[in-house]
N, C-alpha and C. Protein backbone atom coordinates (compact mmCIF):
# COMPACT_ATOMS: atom_id res chain seq x y z
N MET A 1 1.04 -1.22 -0.08
CA MET A 1 -0.01 0.00 -0.07
C MET A 1 1.03 1.42 -0.23
N LYS A 2 2.12 1.14 0.65
CA LYS A 2 3.20 2.05 0.38
C LYS A 2 3.49 2.46 -0.81
N ILE A 3 3.39 1.69 -1.71
CA ILE A 3 3.81 1.71 -3.21
C ILE A 3 3.27 2.66 -4.29
N THR A 4 3.72 4.03 -4.66
CA THR A 4 2.56 4.41 -5.66
C THR A 4 3.38 4.81 -6.84
N PRO A 5 3.06 5.39 -7.76
CA PRO A 5 4.05 5.37 -9.10
C PRO A 5 5.12 6.72 -8.88
N GLU A 6 5.16 7.29 -7.85
CA GLU A 6 6.27 8.04 -7.19
C GLU A 6 7.77 7.43 -6.46
N THR A 7 6.93 6.26 -6.15
CA THR A 7 7.98 5.34 -5.46
C THR A 7 9.05 4.86 -6.16
N THR A 8 10.33 5.13 -5.56
CA THR A 8 11.51 4.37 -6.48
C THR A 8 12.25 3.83 -5.42
N LEU A 9 13.04 2.93 -5.89
CA LEU A 9 13.67 1.56 -5.01
C LEU A 9 14.37 2.30 -3.92
N GLU A 10 15.17 3.55 -4.55
CA GLU A 10 16.22 4.05 -3.84
C GLU A 10 15.38 4.77 -2.57
N ARG A 11 14.33 5.22 -2.34
CA ARG A 11 13.41 5.92 -1.30
C ARG A 11 12.55 4.81 -0.51
N PHE A 12 12.57 3.85 -1.25
CA PHE A 12 11.78 2.92 -0.53
C PHE A 12 11.82 2.43 1.03
N GLY A 13 13.29 2.74 1.29
CA GLY A 13 13.55 2.19 2.98
C GLY A 13 13.03 3.30 3.96
N SER A 14 12.86 4.68 3.34
CA SER A 14 12.64 5.96 3.94
C SER A 14 10.73 5.64 4.08
N THR A 15 10.35 5.21 3.01
CA THR A 15 8.60 4.94 2.88
C THR A 15 8.37 4.05 4.01
N ILE A 16 8.90 3.10 3.93
CA ILE A 16 8.54 1.92 5.25
C ILE A 16 9.38 2.13 6.21
N ASN A 17 9.98 3.36 6.75
CA ASN A 17 10.53 3.51 7.76
C ASN A 17 11.77 2.23 8.36
N ALA A 18 12.63 1.85 7.12
CA ALA A 18 13.40 0.69 7.27
C ALA A 18 14.85 1.04 6.51
N SER A 19 15.69 0.74 7.24
CA SER A 19 17.19 0.44 6.57
C SER A 19 17.27 0.16 5.14
N ILE A 20 18.66 0.65 4.91
CA ILE A 20 18.43 0.24 3.35
C ILE A 20 18.89 -1.21 3.37
N TYR A 21 18.86 -1.86 3.94
CA TYR A 21 19.11 -3.46 4.08
C TYR A 21 17.83 -4.30 4.19
N ASP A 22 17.16 -3.45 5.08
CA ASP A 22 16.15 -4.23 5.45
C ASP A 22 14.85 -3.80 4.02
N ALA A 23 15.07 -2.86 3.63
CA ALA A 23 14.19 -2.39 2.36
C ALA A 23 14.54 -3.17 1.01
N ALA A 24 15.91 -3.32 1.16
CA ALA A 24 16.23 -4.40 -0.04
C ALA A 24 15.66 -5.67 0.27
N GLN A 25 15.65 -6.00 1.05
CA GLN A 25 15.54 -7.50 1.72
C GLN A 25 13.54 -7.55 1.39
N ILE A 26 12.98 -6.27 1.87
CA ILE A 26 11.57 -6.79 1.71
C ILE A 26 11.23 -6.39 0.12
N SER A 27 11.77 -5.44 -0.56
CA SER A 27 11.55 -5.38 -1.91
C SER A 27 11.86 -6.40 -2.98
N GLY A 28 13.10 -7.35 -2.58
CA GLY A 28 13.30 -8.68 -3.01
C GLY A 28 12.25 -9.49 -2.82
N THR A 29 11.60 -9.80 -1.58
CA THR A 29 10.65 -10.82 -1.29
C THR A 29 9.54 -10.24 -2.03
N LEU A 30 8.97 -9.07 -2.16
CA LEU A 30 8.16 -8.88 -2.78
C LEU A 30 8.13 -9.19 -4.49
N LYS A 31 9.42 -8.84 -4.75
CA LYS A 31 9.46 -9.32 -6.23
C LYS A 31 9.62 -10.67 -6.78
N GLN A 32 10.05 -11.51 -5.54
CA GLN A 32 10.11 -12.73 -5.71
C GLN A 32 8.99 -13.51 -5.54
N LYS A 33 7.88 -13.05 -5.01
CA LYS A 33 6.39 -13.33 -4.92
C LYS A 33 5.85 -12.95 -6.19
N GLY A 34 6.05 -12.19 -6.72
CA GLY A 34 5.59 -11.48 -8.22
C GLY A 34 4.42 -10.12 -7.89
N LEU A 35 4.74 -9.64 -6.76
CA LEU A 35 3.65 -8.75 -6.24
C LEU A 35 4.25 -7.45 -6.59
N ILE A 36 5.42 -7.12 -6.99
CA ILE A 36 5.93 -5.78 -7.57
C ILE A 36 7.08 -6.11 -8.32
N ASP A 37 7.64 -5.02 -9.47
CA ASP A 37 8.58 -5.00 -10.34
C ASP A 37 9.37 -3.61 -10.07
N PHE A 38 10.56 -3.59 -10.44
CA PHE A 38 11.62 -2.30 -10.55
C PHE A 38 12.35 -2.76 -11.36
N THR A 39 12.77 -1.76 -11.84
CA THR A 39 13.71 -1.43 -12.74
C THR A 39 15.28 -1.94 -12.16
N ALA A 40 16.35 -1.97 -13.04
CA ALA A 40 17.78 -1.96 -12.24
C ALA A 40 18.74 -1.09 -13.23
N TYR A 41 18.51 -0.09 -13.19
CA TYR A 41 19.25 0.85 -13.92
C TYR A 41 20.24 1.57 -12.90
N TYR A 42 21.53 1.78 -13.38
CA TYR A 42 22.64 2.53 -12.14
C TYR A 42 22.82 3.87 -12.90
N PRO A 43 23.05 4.76 -12.46
CA PRO A 43 22.76 4.76 -10.89
C PRO A 43 21.55 5.08 -10.43
N GLY A 44 20.44 4.91 -11.18
CA GLY A 44 19.25 5.15 -10.56
C GLY A 44 18.53 6.60 -11.08
N PRO A 45 17.40 6.97 -10.64
CA PRO A 45 16.49 6.33 -9.69
C PRO A 45 15.73 5.09 -10.33
N ASN A 46 15.55 4.33 -9.86
CA ASN A 46 14.70 2.95 -10.20
C ASN A 46 13.44 3.06 -9.46
N SER A 47 12.46 2.96 -10.90
CA SER A 47 11.00 2.88 -10.60
C SER A 47 10.31 1.36 -9.87
N MET A 48 9.37 1.68 -9.23
CA MET A 48 8.64 0.56 -8.52
C MET A 48 7.34 0.39 -8.91
N THR A 49 7.13 -0.56 -9.42
CA THR A 49 5.65 -1.12 -9.91
C THR A 49 4.87 -2.18 -9.41
N ILE A 50 3.46 -2.05 -8.90
CA ILE A 50 2.73 -3.17 -8.59
C ILE A 50 2.44 -3.75 -9.76
N THR A 51 2.58 -5.17 -10.15
CA THR A 51 2.45 -6.41 -10.92
C THR A 51 0.54 -6.50 -10.88
N ASP A 52 0.10 -7.13 -11.60
CA ASP A 52 -1.19 -7.57 -11.83
C ASP A 52 -1.38 -8.69 -10.64
N LEU A 53 -0.68 -9.47 -10.34
CA LEU A 53 -1.12 -9.81 -9.08
C LEU A 53 -1.02 -9.23 -7.75
N GLY A 54 -0.33 -8.16 -7.79
CA GLY A 54 0.06 -7.44 -6.60
C GLY A 54 -1.64 -6.71 -6.55
N LYS A 55 -1.81 -6.00 -7.46
CA LYS A 55 -3.29 -5.57 -7.71
C LYS A 55 -4.27 -6.31 -7.38
N SER A 56 -4.29 -7.18 -7.87
CA SER A 56 -5.22 -8.13 -7.47
C SER A 56 -5.51 -8.54 -5.72
N LEU A 57 -4.19 -8.78 -5.24
CA LEU A 57 -4.17 -8.96 -3.87
C LEU A 57 -4.87 -7.69 -2.95
N LYS A 58 -4.36 -6.39 -3.64
CA LYS A 58 -4.61 -5.00 -3.05
C LYS A 58 -6.54 -5.12 -3.31
N ALA A 59 -7.03 -5.57 -4.35
CA ALA A 59 -8.55 -5.21 -4.64
C ALA A 59 -8.85 -6.31 -3.54
N GLU A 60 -8.50 -7.75 -3.40
CA GLU A 60 -9.07 -8.60 -2.11
C GLU A 60 -9.01 -7.97 -1.02
N ALA A 61 -8.39 -7.30 -0.72
CA ALA A 61 -8.00 -6.93 0.81
C ALA A 61 -9.00 -5.43 1.12
N GLU A 62 -8.95 -4.73 -0.36
CA GLU A 62 -10.05 -3.50 -0.28
C GLU A 62 -11.72 -4.01 0.02
N THR A 63 -12.11 -5.21 -0.77
CA THR A 63 -13.18 -5.80 -0.74
C THR A 63 -13.54 -6.68 0.94
N ARG A 64 -12.60 -7.34 1.56
CA ARG A 64 -12.66 -7.88 2.62
C ARG A 64 -12.44 -6.87 3.93
N SER A 65 -11.86 -5.64 3.45
CA SER A 65 -11.64 -4.77 4.61
C SER A 65 -13.23 -4.18 5.07
N SER A 66 -14.06 -3.99 4.07
CA SER A 66 -15.93 -3.63 4.57
C SER A 66 -16.21 -4.74 5.09
N GLU A 67 -15.81 -6.11 5.40
CA GLU A 67 -16.89 -6.97 6.03
C GLU A 67 -16.94 -6.99 7.43
N THR A 68 -18.06 -7.22 7.81
CA THR A 68 -18.19 -7.29 9.14
C THR A 68 -17.22 -7.80 10.04
N LEU A 69 -16.94 -7.76 11.35
CA LEU A 69 -16.07 -8.45 12.36
C LEU A 69 -16.63 -9.90 12.55
N ASP A 70 -16.10 -10.91 12.65
CA ASP A 70 -16.23 -12.22 12.64
C ASP A 70 -15.15 -12.66 14.20
N ASN A 71 -15.55 -14.12 14.62
CA ASN A 71 -14.48 -14.44 15.85
C ASN A 71 -13.31 -14.21 15.20
N LEU A 72 -12.91 -14.73 14.05
CA LEU A 72 -11.38 -14.60 13.81
C LEU A 72 -10.79 -13.10 14.38
N ASP A 73 -11.64 -12.24 13.92
CA ASP A 73 -11.17 -10.93 13.60
C ASP A 73 -11.25 -10.53 15.54
N GLU A 74 -12.12 -10.73 16.06
CA GLU A 74 -12.00 -10.56 17.59
C GLU A 74 -11.31 -10.95 18.35
N GLU A 75 -10.64 -12.40 18.00
CA GLU A 75 -9.51 -13.35 18.79
C GLU A 75 -8.39 -12.18 18.39
N ILE A 76 -8.14 -11.82 17.30
CA ILE A 76 -7.17 -10.97 16.75
C ILE A 76 -6.94 -10.11 17.73
N LEU A 77 -8.12 -9.00 17.92
CA LEU A 77 -8.16 -7.74 18.67
C LEU A 77 -8.08 -8.49 20.50
N THR A 78 -8.40 -9.58 20.55
CA THR A 78 -8.02 -10.16 21.91
C THR A 78 -6.60 -10.32 22.29
N GLN A 79 -5.79 -10.87 21.21
CA GLN A 79 -4.44 -11.35 21.18
C GLN A 79 -3.77 -10.09 21.45
N LEU A 80 -3.98 -8.83 21.02
CA LEU A 80 -3.16 -7.75 20.89
C LEU A 80 -3.49 -7.26 22.15
N SER A 81 -4.80 -7.21 22.78
CA SER A 81 -4.94 -6.88 24.27
C SER A 81 -4.16 -7.30 25.31
N GLY A 82 -3.74 -8.64 25.02
CA GLY A 82 -3.39 -9.64 26.00
C GLY A 82 -1.70 -9.44 25.84
N GLY A 83 -1.07 -8.53 24.95
CA GLY A 83 0.15 -8.22 24.87
C GLY A 83 1.03 -8.61 23.51
N LYS A 84 0.07 -9.30 22.62
CA LYS A 84 0.94 -9.58 21.22
C LYS A 84 0.78 -8.29 20.39
N ARG A 85 2.02 -8.00 19.86
CA ARG A 85 2.23 -6.65 19.22
C ARG A 85 2.78 -6.96 17.79
N MET A 86 3.11 -8.07 17.16
CA MET A 86 3.93 -8.38 16.13
C MET A 86 2.92 -9.03 15.49
N PRO A 87 3.07 -9.19 14.10
CA PRO A 87 2.23 -10.37 13.31
C PRO A 87 2.80 -11.88 13.68
N LEU A 88 4.12 -12.17 13.59
CA LEU A 88 4.44 -13.17 13.75
C LEU A 88 4.11 -13.98 14.88
N GLU A 89 4.10 -13.02 16.27
CA GLU A 89 3.62 -13.79 17.30
C GLU A 89 1.94 -14.00 17.30
N LEU A 90 1.03 -13.11 16.51
CA LEU A 90 -0.03 -13.85 16.42
C LEU A 90 -0.11 -14.80 15.33
N GLN A 91 0.48 -15.01 14.14
CA GLN A 91 0.59 -16.10 13.37
C GLN A 91 0.72 -17.43 14.09
N SER A 92 1.86 -17.41 14.93
CA SER A 92 2.32 -18.69 15.87
C SER A 92 1.06 -18.66 16.72
N THR A 93 0.35 -17.63 17.49
CA THR A 93 -0.38 -18.40 18.52
C THR A 93 -2.21 -18.69 17.71
N LEU A 94 -2.42 -17.92 16.71
CA LEU A 94 -3.49 -18.47 15.67
C LEU A 94 -3.27 -19.90 14.96
N ASN A 95 -2.26 -19.52 14.50
CA ASN A 95 -1.71 -20.87 13.51
C ASN A 95 -3.00 -20.51 12.17
N ILE A 96 -2.57 -19.59 11.70
CA ILE A 96 -3.12 -19.18 10.29
C ILE A 96 -2.18 -18.91 9.07
N ARG A 97 -2.52 -18.64 7.90
CA ARG A 97 -1.39 -18.13 6.89
C ARG A 97 -1.04 -16.76 7.32
N PRO A 98 0.14 -16.68 6.63
CA PRO A 98 0.44 -14.74 6.73
C PRO A 98 -0.42 -14.18 5.72
N LYS A 99 -1.03 -14.69 4.79
CA LYS A 99 -1.64 -13.60 3.57
C LYS A 99 -2.94 -13.54 4.49
N ASP A 100 -3.61 -14.37 5.11
CA ASP A 100 -4.99 -14.37 5.70
C ASP A 100 -4.79 -13.53 6.77
N LEU A 101 -3.90 -13.61 7.43
CA LEU A 101 -3.64 -12.64 9.02
C LEU A 101 -3.14 -11.23 8.27
N ALA A 102 -2.51 -10.89 7.55
CA ALA A 102 -2.45 -9.88 6.58
C ALA A 102 -3.59 -8.99 6.29
N LEU A 103 -4.48 -9.81 5.77
CA LEU A 103 -5.91 -9.37 4.99
C LEU A 103 -6.79 -8.81 6.31
N ARG A 104 -6.62 -9.61 7.40
CA ARG A 104 -7.39 -9.34 8.78
C ARG A 104 -6.61 -8.09 9.20
N ILE A 105 -5.44 -8.00 9.26
CA ILE A 105 -4.80 -6.60 9.90
C ILE A 105 -5.24 -5.31 9.24
N TYR A 106 -5.39 -5.55 7.81
CA TYR A 106 -5.51 -4.82 6.95
C TYR A 106 -7.04 -3.98 7.01
N LYS A 107 -7.81 -5.26 7.57
CA LYS A 107 -9.27 -4.95 7.50
C LYS A 107 -9.42 -4.26 9.18
N LEU A 108 -9.01 -4.45 9.82
CA LEU A 108 -9.20 -3.94 11.05
C LEU A 108 -8.46 -2.65 11.30
N ASP A 109 -7.38 -2.42 10.55
CA ASP A 109 -6.79 -1.11 10.21
C ASP A 109 -7.98 -0.12 9.73
N LYS A 110 -8.34 -0.66 8.44
CA LYS A 110 -9.50 0.11 7.83
C LYS A 110 -10.75 0.54 8.75
N GLN A 111 -11.26 -0.21 9.56
CA GLN A 111 -12.39 0.12 10.25
C GLN A 111 -11.75 0.92 11.60
N SER A 112 -10.51 0.98 11.83
CA SER A 112 -10.29 1.91 13.08
C SER A 112 -10.17 1.17 14.33
N PHE A 113 -9.64 -0.43 14.20
CA PHE A 113 -9.78 -1.33 15.46
C PHE A 113 -8.47 -1.21 15.85
N LEU A 114 -7.50 -1.04 14.98
CA LEU A 114 -5.98 -1.14 15.51
C LEU A 114 -5.25 -0.10 14.65
N SER A 115 -3.97 0.24 14.75
CA SER A 115 -3.15 0.90 13.75
C SER A 115 -1.92 0.14 14.00
N TYR A 116 -0.90 0.40 13.15
CA TYR A 116 0.24 -0.20 12.82
C TYR A 116 1.37 0.61 12.46
N GLU A 117 2.69 0.45 12.96
CA GLU A 117 3.71 1.32 12.94
C GLU A 117 4.81 0.71 11.89
N LEU A 118 5.41 0.81 11.11
CA LEU A 118 6.56 0.28 10.28
C LEU A 118 7.89 0.42 10.72
N LYS A 119 8.71 -0.03 11.50
CA LYS A 119 9.89 0.22 12.09
C LYS A 119 10.73 -1.13 11.91
N ASN A 120 11.89 -0.78 11.15
CA ASN A 120 12.97 -1.64 11.11
C ASN A 120 12.64 -2.74 10.32
N GLY A 121 11.95 -2.69 9.43
CA GLY A 121 11.58 -3.65 8.35
C GLY A 121 10.19 -4.67 9.15
N ASN A 122 9.82 -4.34 10.26
CA ASN A 122 8.70 -5.01 10.95
C ASN A 122 7.60 -3.99 11.31
N VAL A 123 6.52 -4.52 11.52
CA VAL A 123 5.31 -4.45 11.60
C VAL A 123 4.88 -4.29 12.91
N GLU A 124 4.59 -3.15 13.91
CA GLU A 124 4.07 -3.15 15.28
C GLU A 124 2.98 -2.67 15.26
N LEU A 125 2.02 -3.63 15.68
CA LEU A 125 0.44 -3.60 15.87
C LEU A 125 0.03 -3.04 17.25
N MET A 126 -1.06 -2.09 16.92
CA MET A 126 -1.61 -1.34 18.45
C MET A 126 -3.13 -1.30 18.70
N LEU A 127 -3.63 -1.67 19.47
CA LEU A 127 -4.92 -1.37 19.43
C LEU A 127 -5.59 0.00 19.49
N THR A 128 -6.39 0.55 19.02
CA THR A 128 -6.83 1.82 18.93
C THR A 128 -7.84 2.02 20.37
N GLU A 129 -8.66 3.14 20.33
CA GLU A 129 -9.75 3.04 21.61
C GLU A 129 -10.75 2.09 21.11
N GLN A 130 -11.05 2.32 20.00
CA GLN A 130 -12.48 1.60 19.46
C GLN A 130 -12.10 -0.01 19.68
N GLY A 131 -10.98 -0.32 19.53
CA GLY A 131 -10.42 -1.58 19.51
C GLY A 131 -10.31 -2.13 20.80
N PHE A 132 -9.77 -1.36 21.67
CA PHE A 132 -9.52 -1.83 23.14
C PHE A 132 -11.32 -1.85 23.56
N LEU A 133 -12.43 -1.02 23.55
CA LEU A 133 -13.54 -0.80 23.91
C LEU A 133 -14.17 -1.98 23.44
N LYS A 134 -13.58 -2.56 21.95
CA LYS A 134 -14.54 -3.91 21.36
C LYS A 134 -13.93 -4.98 22.26
N THR A 135 -12.70 -5.04 22.72
CA THR A 135 -12.61 -6.34 23.68
C THR A 135 -12.92 -6.58 24.87
N ARG A 136 -12.97 -5.02 25.30
CA ARG A 136 -13.59 -5.03 26.61
C ARG A 136 -14.86 -5.25 26.95
N SER A 137 -15.76 -5.16 25.79
CA SER A 137 -17.29 -5.26 25.82
C SER A 137 -17.22 -6.80 25.74
N LYS A 138 -16.50 -7.41 25.09
CA LYS A 138 -16.86 -8.62 25.15
C LYS A 138 -16.50 -9.57 26.11
N GLN A 139 -15.39 -9.13 27.17
CA GLN A 139 -15.17 -9.56 28.16
C GLN A 139 -15.76 -9.32 29.28
N MET A 140 -16.48 -8.35 29.06
CA MET A 140 -17.92 -8.06 30.16
C MET A 140 -19.06 -8.97 30.10
N LEU A 141 -19.04 -9.66 29.07
CA LEU A 141 -20.57 -10.28 28.85
C LEU A 141 -20.64 -11.54 30.32
N PRO A 142 -21.72 -11.03 30.76
CA PRO A 142 -22.04 -11.90 32.27
C PRO A 142 -21.85 -13.34 31.74
N PRO A 143 -21.29 -14.07 32.81
CA PRO A 143 -21.24 -15.84 32.42
C PRO A 143 -22.69 -16.20 32.85
N PRO A 144 -23.16 -17.23 32.43
CA PRO A 144 -23.99 -17.70 32.48
C PRO A 144 -24.19 -18.37 34.37
N VAL A 145 -25.61 -18.29 35.05
CA VAL A 145 -25.57 -18.21 36.53
C VAL A 145 -25.85 -19.71 36.51
N PRO A 146 -24.79 -20.50 37.44
CA PRO A 146 -25.08 -21.95 37.52
C PRO A 146 -26.44 -22.63 38.09
N GLY A 147 -26.73 -21.66 39.34
CA GLY A 147 -28.01 -21.91 40.08
C GLY A 147 -29.17 -21.81 39.28
N VAL A 148 -29.20 -20.90 38.34
CA VAL A 148 -30.61 -20.82 37.32
C VAL A 148 -30.53 -21.87 36.29
N ALA A 149 -29.14 -22.11 35.81
CA ALA A 149 -29.42 -23.14 34.68
C ALA A 149 -29.78 -24.28 35.63
N ALA A 150 -29.28 -24.72 36.61
CA ALA A 150 -29.75 -26.06 37.43
C ALA A 150 -30.92 -25.90 38.00
N SER A 151 -31.62 -24.88 38.24
CA SER A 151 -33.12 -24.71 38.72
C SER A 151 -33.70 -24.99 37.47
N MET A 152 -33.65 -24.27 36.28
CA MET A 152 -34.70 -24.74 35.37
C MET A 152 -34.54 -26.23 34.81
N ALA A 153 -33.16 -26.70 34.68
CA ALA A 153 -33.04 -28.51 34.54
C ALA A 153 -33.92 -29.39 35.52
N LYS A 154 -33.99 -28.86 36.50
CA LYS A 154 -34.49 -29.49 37.38
C LYS A 154 -36.14 -29.43 37.32
N GLN A 155 -36.46 -28.56 36.95
CA GLN A 155 -38.33 -28.01 36.70
C GLN A 155 -38.74 -28.78 35.37
N GLN A 156 -37.59 -28.83 34.64
CA GLN A 156 -37.76 -29.84 33.30
C GLN A 156 -37.84 -31.28 33.58
N THR A 157 -37.13 -31.78 34.44
CA THR A 157 -37.20 -32.91 34.87
C THR A 157 -38.17 -33.62 35.08
N PRO A 158 -38.64 -34.50 33.97
CA PRO A 158 -40.09 -35.31 34.40
C PRO A 158 -39.84 -36.29 35.51
N PRO A 159 -40.89 -36.70 36.42
CA PRO A 159 -40.87 -37.38 37.22
C PRO A 159 -40.45 -38.93 37.11
N ALA A 160 -39.87 -39.50 38.11
CA ALA A 160 -39.31 -40.81 37.97
C ALA A 160 -40.33 -41.65 37.87
N ALA A 161 -40.28 -42.66 36.63
CA ALA A 161 -41.29 -43.78 36.48
C ALA A 161 -41.89 -44.30 37.81
N GLY A 162 -40.89 -44.76 38.59
CA GLY A 162 -41.68 -45.48 39.69
C GLY A 162 -42.00 -44.68 40.65
N ALA A 163 -42.17 -43.26 40.38
CA ALA A 163 -42.65 -42.43 41.52
C ALA A 163 -44.34 -42.61 41.93
N ALA A 164 -45.01 -42.70 40.98
CA ALA A 164 -46.48 -42.89 40.99
C ALA A 164 -46.59 -43.94 41.55
N SER A 165 -46.04 -45.23 41.70
CA SER A 165 -46.37 -46.16 41.80
C SER A 165 -45.92 -46.65 43.39
N MET A 166 -45.49 -45.80 44.14
CA MET A 166 -45.02 -45.87 45.40
C MET A 166 -45.90 -46.43 46.46
N PRO A 167 -47.04 -45.74 46.46
CA PRO A 167 -48.04 -46.44 47.27
C PRO A 167 -48.50 -47.93 47.43
N ASN A 168 -48.78 -48.39 45.75
CA ASN A 168 -48.79 -49.85 45.72
C ASN A 168 -47.66 -50.76 46.10
N ALA A 169 -46.49 -50.04 45.87
CA ALA A 169 -45.11 -50.77 46.21
C ALA A 169 -45.29 -51.02 47.85
N ALA A 170 -45.46 -50.35 48.55
CA ALA A 170 -46.01 -50.13 50.17
C ALA A 170 -46.90 -51.34 50.48
N GLY A 171 -48.25 -51.51 49.83
CA GLY A 171 -48.79 -52.22 49.67
C GLY A 171 -48.33 -53.67 49.60
N THR A 172 -47.64 -53.77 48.66
CA THR A 172 -47.12 -55.04 48.16
C THR A 172 -46.36 -55.76 49.05
N MET A 173 -45.37 -54.67 49.92
CA MET A 173 -44.37 -55.15 50.70
C MET A 173 -45.22 -55.63 52.05
N ALA A 174 -46.07 -54.69 52.42
CA ALA A 174 -47.33 -55.52 53.34
C ALA A 174 -47.79 -56.92 53.21
N GLN A 175 -48.37 -56.92 51.69
CA GLN A 175 -48.72 -58.53 51.70
C GLN A 175 -47.83 -59.22 51.73
N ASP A 176 -46.31 -59.27 51.04
CA ASP A 176 -45.17 -59.88 51.14
C ASP A 176 -44.68 -60.13 52.57
N ALA A 177 -45.16 -59.40 53.51
CA ALA A 177 -44.68 -59.59 54.83
C ALA A 177 -45.79 -60.89 55.88
N ASP A 178 -46.61 -61.77 54.94
CA ASP A 178 -47.20 -62.57 55.86
C ASP A 178 -46.32 -63.88 55.80
N PRO A 179 -46.46 -64.42 57.30
CA PRO A 179 -45.40 -65.73 57.47
C PRO A 179 -45.90 -66.78 56.62
N ALA A 180 -46.96 -67.19 56.31
CA ALA A 180 -47.27 -68.12 55.81
C ALA A 180 -46.64 -68.44 54.16
N ARG A 181 -47.06 -67.10 53.73
CA ARG A 181 -46.67 -66.57 52.46
C ARG A 181 -45.17 -66.98 52.31
N ILE A 182 -44.30 -66.63 53.42
CA ILE A 182 -42.93 -66.42 53.00
C ILE A 182 -42.49 -67.64 53.11
N LEU A 183 -43.06 -68.68 54.02
CA LEU A 183 -42.59 -70.23 54.11
C LEU A 183 -43.12 -70.75 52.77
N ALA A 184 -43.93 -70.51 52.07
CA ALA A 184 -44.50 -70.95 50.80
C ALA A 184 -43.51 -70.78 49.72
N GLU A 185 -43.04 -69.46 49.65
CA GLU A 185 -42.16 -69.09 48.80
C GLU A 185 -40.86 -69.87 49.01
N ILE A 186 -40.34 -70.17 50.14
CA ILE A 186 -39.24 -70.59 50.63
C ILE A 186 -38.97 -71.95 49.99
N LYS A 187 -40.25 -72.83 50.02
CA LYS A 187 -40.18 -74.29 49.75
C LYS A 187 -40.25 -74.03 48.50
N LYS A 188 -41.06 -73.20 47.63
CA LYS A 188 -40.90 -73.09 46.26
C LYS A 188 -39.66 -72.92 45.79
N GLY A 189 -38.90 -71.97 46.40
CA GLY A 189 -37.30 -72.02 45.91
C GLY A 189 -36.53 -73.03 46.13
N LYS A 190 -36.67 -73.62 47.14
CA LYS A 190 -36.15 -74.83 47.34
C LYS A 190 -36.11 -75.96 46.31
N GLN A 191 -37.59 -75.99 45.99
CA GLN A 191 -37.82 -77.34 44.53
C GLN A 191 -37.21 -76.64 43.46
N ARG A 192 -37.33 -75.14 42.96
CA ARG A 192 -36.64 -74.82 41.61
C ARG A 192 -35.24 -75.27 42.01
N THR A 193 -34.88 -74.59 43.04
CA THR A 193 -33.25 -75.02 42.99
C THR A 193 -32.70 -76.35 42.68
N GLN A 194 -33.35 -77.12 43.29
CA GLN A 194 -33.46 -78.66 42.99
C GLN A 194 -33.34 -79.21 41.77
N LEU A 195 -34.49 -78.56 41.05
CA LEU A 195 -34.93 -78.93 39.58
C LEU A 195 -33.74 -78.27 38.93
N MET A 196 -33.16 -77.06 39.28
CA MET A 196 -32.02 -76.42 38.21
C MET A 196 -31.06 -77.34 38.38
N MET A 197 -30.52 -77.87 39.83
CA MET A 197 -29.26 -78.49 39.89
C MET A 197 -29.61 -80.17 39.21
N THR A 198 -30.71 -80.56 39.11
CA THR A 198 -31.19 -81.59 38.34
C THR A 198 -30.49 -81.75 36.82
N ALA A 199 -31.25 -80.43 36.32
CA ALA A 199 -31.12 -80.14 34.73
C ALA A 199 -29.60 -79.80 34.74
N GLY A 200 -28.86 -79.28 35.35
CA GLY A 200 -27.47 -79.01 35.39
C GLY A 200 -26.97 -79.91 35.22
N ALA A 201 -26.89 -80.97 35.86
CA ALA A 201 -26.08 -82.35 36.29
C ALA A 201 -26.55 -83.19 34.81
N ALA A 202 -27.69 -83.29 34.45
CA ALA A 202 -28.00 -83.70 33.31
C ALA A 202 -27.53 -83.07 31.70
N VAL A 203 -27.32 -81.49 31.68
CA VAL A 203 -26.68 -80.97 30.69
C VAL A 203 -24.98 -81.61 30.68
N ALA A 204 -24.75 -81.50 32.04
CA ALA A 204 -23.20 -81.65 32.11
C ALA A 204 -22.61 -83.36 31.65
N LEU A 205 -23.68 -83.85 31.85
CA LEU A 205 -23.74 -85.33 31.57
C LEU A 205 -23.94 -85.55 30.18
N ILE A 206 -24.46 -84.67 29.53
CA ILE A 206 -24.91 -84.83 27.99
C ILE A 206 -23.53 -84.13 26.99
N ALA A 207 -22.87 -83.21 27.99
CA ALA A 207 -21.78 -82.35 27.05
C ALA A 207 -20.62 -83.89 27.55
N ILE A 208 -20.39 -84.45 28.51
CA ILE A 208 -19.57 -85.05 28.68
C ILE A 208 -19.33 -86.52 27.65
N VAL A 209 -20.77 -86.58 27.59
CA VAL A 209 -20.97 -87.94 26.73
C VAL A 209 -20.84 -87.46 25.22
N ALA A 210 -21.20 -86.39 24.98
CA ALA A 210 -20.68 -85.92 23.56
C ALA A 210 -19.30 -85.69 23.01
N VAL A 211 -18.68 -85.52 24.18
CA VAL A 211 -17.02 -85.18 23.91
C VAL A 211 -16.58 -86.56 23.89
N LEU A 212 -16.92 -87.36 24.75
CA LEU A 212 -16.16 -88.80 24.58
C LEU A 212 -16.74 -89.54 23.13
N TYR A 213 -17.81 -89.13 22.78
CA TYR A 213 -18.44 -89.59 21.60
C TYR A 213 -17.62 -89.07 20.00
N LEU A 214 -17.26 -87.86 20.08
CA LEU A 214 -16.84 -87.18 19.17
C LEU A 214 -15.24 -87.18 19.03
N THR A 215 -14.70 -87.74 20.42
CA THR A 215 -13.27 -88.15 20.21
C THR A 215 -13.10 -89.72 20.17
N GLY A 216 -14.12 -90.49 19.90
CA GLY A 216 -13.84 -91.87 19.75
C GLY A 216 -13.47 -92.73 20.82
N MET A 217 -13.79 -92.16 22.16
CA MET A 217 -13.35 -92.72 23.43
C MET A 217 -14.92 -93.38 24.07
N LEU A 218 -15.92 -93.18 23.16
CA LEU A 218 -17.21 -94.02 23.67
C LEU A 218 -17.59 -94.56 22.60
N PRO A 219 -17.62 -96.02 22.78
CA PRO A 219 -18.12 -96.99 21.73
C PRO A 219 -19.36 -96.80 21.34
N ILE A 220 -19.73 -96.98 19.94
CA ILE A 220 -21.31 -96.73 19.57
C ILE A 220 -21.75 -98.07 19.74
């Protein structure tokens, strides 16, 4: 965005507030990525121009700068309020592509949520008052009250299936307390146990016979 038709390669460093070495490195990287081009006449001056790819990126940045803020934009502002100031720190924390981060920074700058300063070949980011208030308003949202949520959940909980049958259960327990009935049930239980033991023995015997037969140890 700092490159205009009047920009020359020799004065590019002062334009972005960087040393000659840093300016040469940045301009070389931009040329390598195909975003700018420049002449190489000695002793100069050498003009700098934005390529079609650079113009396309600039147009994309302008288009996206008018979009409303989303969760990622707000997270960038939150990170800045927490002390992050360099794009490299944000990229490492958020784990997003440099191009996406650059577009987000440009968007937030255009909407006056942050400002930046070019210094020594780096970009230093700062929140504006609007950006600071944006992060504070997000942090001051009241958290959900646990007691209210639990009370509402309790009110919505349907009654237990066995709750309506509690009186009948008490009557059943009273009937089961009859001594004669208890003795009769004990006898029935003993009979069932004996039958089960007999059936179990029969099953075991059949299994043994089957094994002996299949292994040829039992003559037919």
